[in-house]
Amino acid sequence: MKNAYTFQNLSQQTACLHLVTKKDKTAPYSFSLALHTQEEFDKIVKNRQKFSTIFPNFKFIVANQTHSVNIYIVKKNQEQGWSSLADAIEDSDALITNQTHIMLSILTADCVPILLFDPINKVIAAVHAGWKGTQQEILLKTVQKMQEVFNTDPKNILAGIAPSIGKCCYEVDWNVAKNFEKIENAYNQNNNKYMLDLPHINKVQLLNAGLKEEYIELSNVCTACEVQDYFSYRKEGGCSGRFMSMIGLKA
């Protein structure tokens, strides 16, 4: 797919596939892939069907994201939440699996999507981290769950922190910023304005979880700055579109 973002570290791995979609002005709703935002259902499904031809042998997994720290382990090779909201995984913001031909997906429009791959044990994860999930350390907990269930050594994990709103554009008040005051460089302060750096904070969580810094790749793409390519809820004044970050294991 030409109109997409990929990570260098994950692209070098033959055992997994990954992709972060971008806007396409020629497609319905600029190629939004979200079924939950009250757009015309058939047109979003059409976008998804068109996209899924890129990975013809994969079944897509979509969760009902709720800014929780709930982690779901996908154990069955079956589609969930792709053609309908009815069978989406409920109330979960992190997905983990060791099943092949399954594409774990995260929908965002400013929040931080993170893709993880353990190349030794062949385990993948996709994580959705807004400020609430980040504050509750969902990413750290996901790595710990990979350790617990699949015997993953964090030192082997490759991580990609996908496009999300950057500290250049993410202004929050003290009630939010104070949750991260103990983290160095978590935000820049200008008078009563706090510019929060969620991608950096999630990188810190990965380092605290035991990942090697050289195995963590940040996109350094701000969705608000590059709104021509990515949906940005804040920049677009409450947009309904979402782009998708995904990762899957090949057989």
Protein backbone atom coordinates (compact mmCIF):
# COMPACT_ATOMS: atom_id res chain seq x y z
CA MET A 1 0.00 0.00 0.00
CA LYS A 2 1.64 3.23 -1.18
CA ASN A 3 -0.34 5.58 1.04
CA ALA A 4 0.78 4.16 4.37
CA TYR A 5 3.35 4.50 7.12
CA THR A 6 5.70 1.68 8.13
CA PHE A 7 8.48 1.27 10.68
CA GLN A 8 12.02 0.42 9.61
CA ASN A 9 12.65 -2.01 12.46
CA LEU A 10 9.45 -4.02 11.92
CA SER A 11 9.82 -3.94 8.13
CA GLN A 12 13.08 -5.86 8.45
CA GLN A 13 11.29 -8.77 10.12
CA THR A 14 10.14 -11.50 7.74
CA ALA A 15 7.87 -13.13 10.34
CA CYS A 16 5.49 -10.20 10.75
CA LEU A 17 3.59 -7.65 8.70
CA HIS A 18 2.50 -4.21 9.82
CA LEU A 19 1.01 -1.00 8.47
CA VAL A 20 -0.38 2.37 9.53
CA THR A 21 -3.02 3.72 7.17
CA LYS A 22 -3.28 7.32 5.96
CA LYS A 23 -6.10 9.44 4.61
CA ASP A 24 -7.21 8.97 1.02
CA LYS A 25 -9.38 11.84 -0.23
CA THR A 26 -10.67 9.67 -3.12
CA ALA A 27 -12.27 7.17 -0.70
CA PRO A 28 -15.46 7.62 1.36
CA TYR A 29 -14.82 9.71 4.49
CA SER A 30 -11.18 10.12 3.45
CA PHE A 31 -10.65 6.40 4.04
CA SER A 32 -11.75 6.32 7.64
CA LEU A 33 -11.83 2.75 8.96
CA ALA A 34 -14.00 3.38 12.04
CA LEU A 35 -17.40 1.75 12.34
CA HIS A 36 -18.21 3.29 15.73
CA THR A 37 -18.39 6.98 14.76
CA GLN A 38 -21.84 7.02 13.14
CA GLU A 39 -20.65 7.32 9.53
CA GLU A 40 -22.55 5.46 6.82
CA PHE A 41 -21.93 1.85 7.75
CA ASP A 42 -21.81 0.47 4.21
CA LYS A 43 -19.21 2.99 3.08
CA ILE A 44 -16.86 2.27 5.99
CA VAL A 45 -17.24 -1.47 5.42
CA LYS A 46 -16.40 -0.83 1.78
CA ASN A 47 -13.22 0.94 2.87
CA ARG A 48 -12.34 -1.99 5.09
CA GLN A 49 -13.05 -4.55 2.38
CA LYS A 50 -10.90 -2.66 -0.09
CA PHE A 51 -8.10 -2.45 2.42
CA SER A 52 -8.23 -6.09 3.49
CA THR A 53 -7.26 -7.22 -0.01
CA ILE A 54 -3.72 -6.12 0.86
CA PHE A 55 -3.60 -8.94 3.41
CA PRO A 56 -5.82 -11.57 1.74
CA ASN A 57 -4.96 -14.43 4.08
CA PHE A 58 -5.43 -12.50 7.30
CA LYS A 59 -8.41 -12.15 9.61
CA PHE A 60 -8.73 -8.72 11.22
CA ILE A 61 -9.33 -8.17 14.92
CA VAL A 62 -10.89 -4.90 16.13
CA ALA A 63 -11.69 -4.02 19.74
CA ASN A 64 -14.12 -1.62 21.32
CA GLN A 65 -11.53 0.77 22.74
CA THR A 66 -12.54 2.50 25.97
CA HIS A 67 -9.34 4.14 27.32
CA SER A 68 -9.04 1.24 29.73
CA VAL A 69 -6.07 -0.91 30.74
CA ASN A 70 -7.86 -4.08 29.72
CA ILE A 71 -5.71 -6.49 27.72
CA TYR A 72 -7.21 -9.22 25.52
CA ILE A 73 -5.31 -12.29 24.32
CA VAL A 74 -6.55 -13.48 20.95
CA LYS A 75 -6.53 -17.29 20.96
CA LYS A 76 -8.72 -18.11 17.96
CA ASN A 77 -8.05 -17.56 14.29
CA GLN A 78 -11.30 -15.81 13.49
CA GLU A 79 -12.38 -12.35 12.40
CA GLN A 80 -13.74 -10.09 15.12
CA GLY A 81 -15.14 -6.59 14.80
CA TRP A 82 -14.18 -6.18 11.14
CA SER A 83 -17.49 -6.49 9.32
CA SER A 84 -19.67 -5.52 12.28
CA LEU A 85 -19.46 -3.86 15.68
CA ALA A 86 -21.51 -6.69 17.14
CA ASP A 87 -18.61 -9.11 17.46
CA ALA A 88 -15.85 -6.62 18.27
CA ILE A 89 -13.79 -7.44 21.35
CA GLU A 90 -15.45 -5.57 24.18
CA ASP A 91 -13.80 -3.00 26.42
CA SER A 92 -10.16 -3.55 25.53
CA ASP A 93 -7.26 -1.29 24.59
CA ALA A 94 -4.50 -3.83 24.06
CA LEU A 95 -4.47 -7.00 21.97
CA ILE A 96 -1.89 -9.79 22.11
CA THR A 97 -1.58 -13.01 20.11
CA ASN A 98 0.80 -15.72 18.93
CA GLN A 99 -1.67 -16.87 16.27
CA THR A 100 -0.61 -16.51 12.65
CA HIS A 101 -2.71 -14.88 9.92
CA ILE A 102 -4.41 -12.58 12.42
CA MET A 103 -4.10 -8.80 12.08
CA LEU A 104 -4.37 -6.96 15.38
CA SER A 105 -5.59 -3.40 14.87
CA ILE A 106 -5.89 -0.09 16.72
CA LEU A 107 -8.04 2.87 15.62
CA THR A 108 -6.87 6.38 16.51
CA ALA A 109 -7.12 10.07 15.69
CA ASP A 110 -4.48 11.57 18.07
CA CYS A 111 -4.04 8.87 20.74
CA VAL A 112 -0.85 6.81 20.64
CA PRO A 113 -0.90 3.45 18.82
CA ILE A 114 1.99 1.12 19.67
CA LEU A 115 2.94 -2.08 17.83
CA LEU A 116 5.08 -4.74 19.53
CA PHE A 117 6.82 -7.85 18.18
CA ASP A 118 8.72 -10.56 20.03
CA PRO A 119 10.73 -12.24 17.22
CA ILE A 120 11.97 -15.08 19.43
CA ASN A 121 8.62 -16.43 20.63
CA LYS A 122 6.64 -14.99 17.68
CA VAL A 123 4.24 -12.87 19.70
CA ILE A 124 2.67 -9.56 18.64
CA ALA A 125 0.68 -6.85 20.39
CA ALA A 126 -1.20 -3.70 19.42
CA VAL A 127 -1.86 -1.06 22.08
CA HIS A 128 -4.05 2.06 22.24
CA ALA A 129 -2.76 4.69 24.68
CA GLY A 130 -4.56 7.97 25.22
CA TRP A 131 -3.56 10.05 28.23
CA LYS A 132 -5.75 7.98 30.54
CA GLY A 133 -4.33 4.66 29.35
CA THR A 134 -0.83 6.09 29.45
CA GLN A 135 -1.36 7.35 33.00
CA GLN A 136 -2.47 3.84 33.98
CA GLU A 137 0.58 2.35 32.20
CA ILE A 138 -1.26 0.16 29.72
CA LEU A 139 1.88 -0.28 27.63
CA LEU A 140 3.99 -1.44 30.56
CA LYS A 141 1.20 -3.82 31.57
CA THR A 142 0.98 -5.21 28.03
CA VAL A 143 4.68 -6.06 28.02
CA GLN A 144 4.28 -7.69 31.43
CA LYS A 145 1.37 -9.74 30.08
CA MET A 146 3.53 -10.89 27.14
CA GLN A 147 6.12 -12.02 29.70
CA GLU A 148 3.55 -13.80 31.84
CA VAL A 149 1.64 -15.64 29.12
CA PHE A 150 4.19 -16.15 26.35
CA ASN A 151 7.51 -16.03 28.21
CA THR A 152 8.60 -12.98 26.24
CA ASP A 153 11.90 -11.40 27.23
CA PRO A 154 11.37 -7.61 26.97
CA LYS A 155 14.95 -7.22 25.75
CA ASN A 156 13.92 -8.94 22.50
CA ILE A 157 10.82 -6.86 21.77
CA LEU A 158 10.75 -4.52 18.80
CA ALA A 159 8.42 -1.56 19.28
CA GLY A 160 6.93 1.00 16.92
CA ILE A 161 5.26 4.12 18.34
CA ALA A 162 2.98 5.24 15.52
CA PRO A 163 1.77 8.72 14.46
CA SER A 164 -0.08 10.52 17.25
CA ILE A 165 -0.47 14.05 18.53
CA GLY A 166 2.87 15.51 19.59
CA LYS A 167 3.86 17.88 22.37
CA CYS A 168 3.92 20.62 19.75
CA CYS A 169 0.11 20.47 19.61
CA TYR A 170 -1.18 18.61 22.67
CA GLU A 171 -2.04 21.29 25.17
CA VAL A 172 -3.53 20.06 28.46
CA ASP A 173 -4.35 21.58 31.82
CA TRP A 174 -2.62 20.80 35.11
CA ASN A 175 -5.23 18.20 36.04
CA VAL A 176 -3.85 16.07 33.21
CA ALA A 177 -0.21 17.13 33.26
CA LYS A 178 0.19 16.46 36.98
CA ASN A 179 -0.22 12.73 36.34
CA PHE A 180 3.15 12.78 34.59
CA GLU A 181 5.15 15.30 36.65
CA LYS A 182 7.59 12.65 37.87
CA ILE A 183 8.58 11.72 34.30
CA GLU A 184 11.47 13.73 32.91
CA ASN A 185 10.57 15.74 29.79
CA ALA A 186 6.94 14.62 29.95
CA TYR A 187 5.76 18.11 29.05
CA ASN A 188 6.84 21.67 28.34
CA GLN A 189 5.30 24.36 30.52
CA ASN A 190 4.51 27.88 29.35
CA ASN A 191 2.64 29.85 32.02
CA ASN A 192 -0.48 27.76 32.67
CA LYS A 193 -0.15 25.76 29.46
CA TYR A 194 1.27 22.26 29.47
CA MET A 195 2.32 20.65 26.18
CA LEU A 196 2.20 16.92 26.87
CA ASP A 197 4.49 14.45 25.08
CA LEU A 198 2.55 11.18 25.08
CA PRO A 199 4.83 9.35 22.60
CA HIS A 200 7.84 10.11 24.83
CA ILE A 201 6.02 8.99 27.98
CA ASN A 202 5.11 5.70 26.32
CA LYS A 203 8.73 5.25 25.26
CA VAL A 204 9.70 5.69 28.91
CA GLN A 205 7.21 2.98 29.84
CA LEU A 206 8.83 0.63 27.33
CA LEU A 207 12.27 1.37 28.75
CA ASN A 208 10.96 0.76 32.26
CA ALA A 209 9.49 -2.53 31.05
CA GLY A 210 12.97 -3.64 29.98
CA LEU A 211 13.07 -2.92 26.24
CA LYS A 212 16.32 -1.85 24.64
CA GLU A 213 16.25 1.77 23.50
CA GLU A 214 17.65 0.86 20.09
CA TYR A 215 14.66 -1.47 19.55
CA ILE A 216 12.13 1.33 20.07
CA GLU A 217 11.24 3.35 16.98
CA LEU A 218 9.18 6.53 17.16
CA SER A 219 7.46 7.83 14.07
CA ASN A 220 7.96 11.43 15.23
CA VAL A 221 4.84 12.24 13.22
CA CYS A 222 2.29 14.57 14.83
CA THR A 223 -1.23 13.87 13.62
CA ALA A 224 -2.30 17.48 14.22
CA CYS A 225 0.64 18.88 12.25
CA GLU A 226 0.16 16.37 9.42
CA VAL A 227 -3.62 16.41 9.35
CA GLN A 228 -3.54 16.12 5.59
CA ASP A 229 -2.44 12.49 6.07
CA TYR A 230 -3.87 11.53 9.45
CA PHE A 231 -7.13 12.08 11.29
CA SER A 232 -6.72 14.42 14.26
CA TYR A 233 -9.62 14.76 16.68
CA ARG A 234 -8.19 17.92 18.20
CA LYS A 235 -7.03 19.64 15.00
CA GLU A 236 -10.24 18.84 13.15
CA GLY A 237 -12.52 19.90 15.96
CA GLY A 238 -13.87 16.47 16.88
CA CYS A 239 -13.49 14.54 13.64
CA SER A 240 -15.24 11.21 13.19
CA GLY A 241 -12.53 9.62 11.06
CA ARG A 242 -9.95 7.16 12.36
CA PHE A 243 -6.83 5.67 10.83
CA MET A 244 -5.64 2.17 11.70
CA SER A 245 -2.35 0.77 12.98
CA MET A 246 -1.97 -3.00 12.66
CA ILE A 247 0.40 -5.91 13.03
CA GLY A 248 0.15 -9.60 12.09
CA LEU A 249 2.22 -12.79 12.13
CA LYS A 250 2.98 -14.76 9.02
CA ALA A 251 2.98 -18.56 9.16
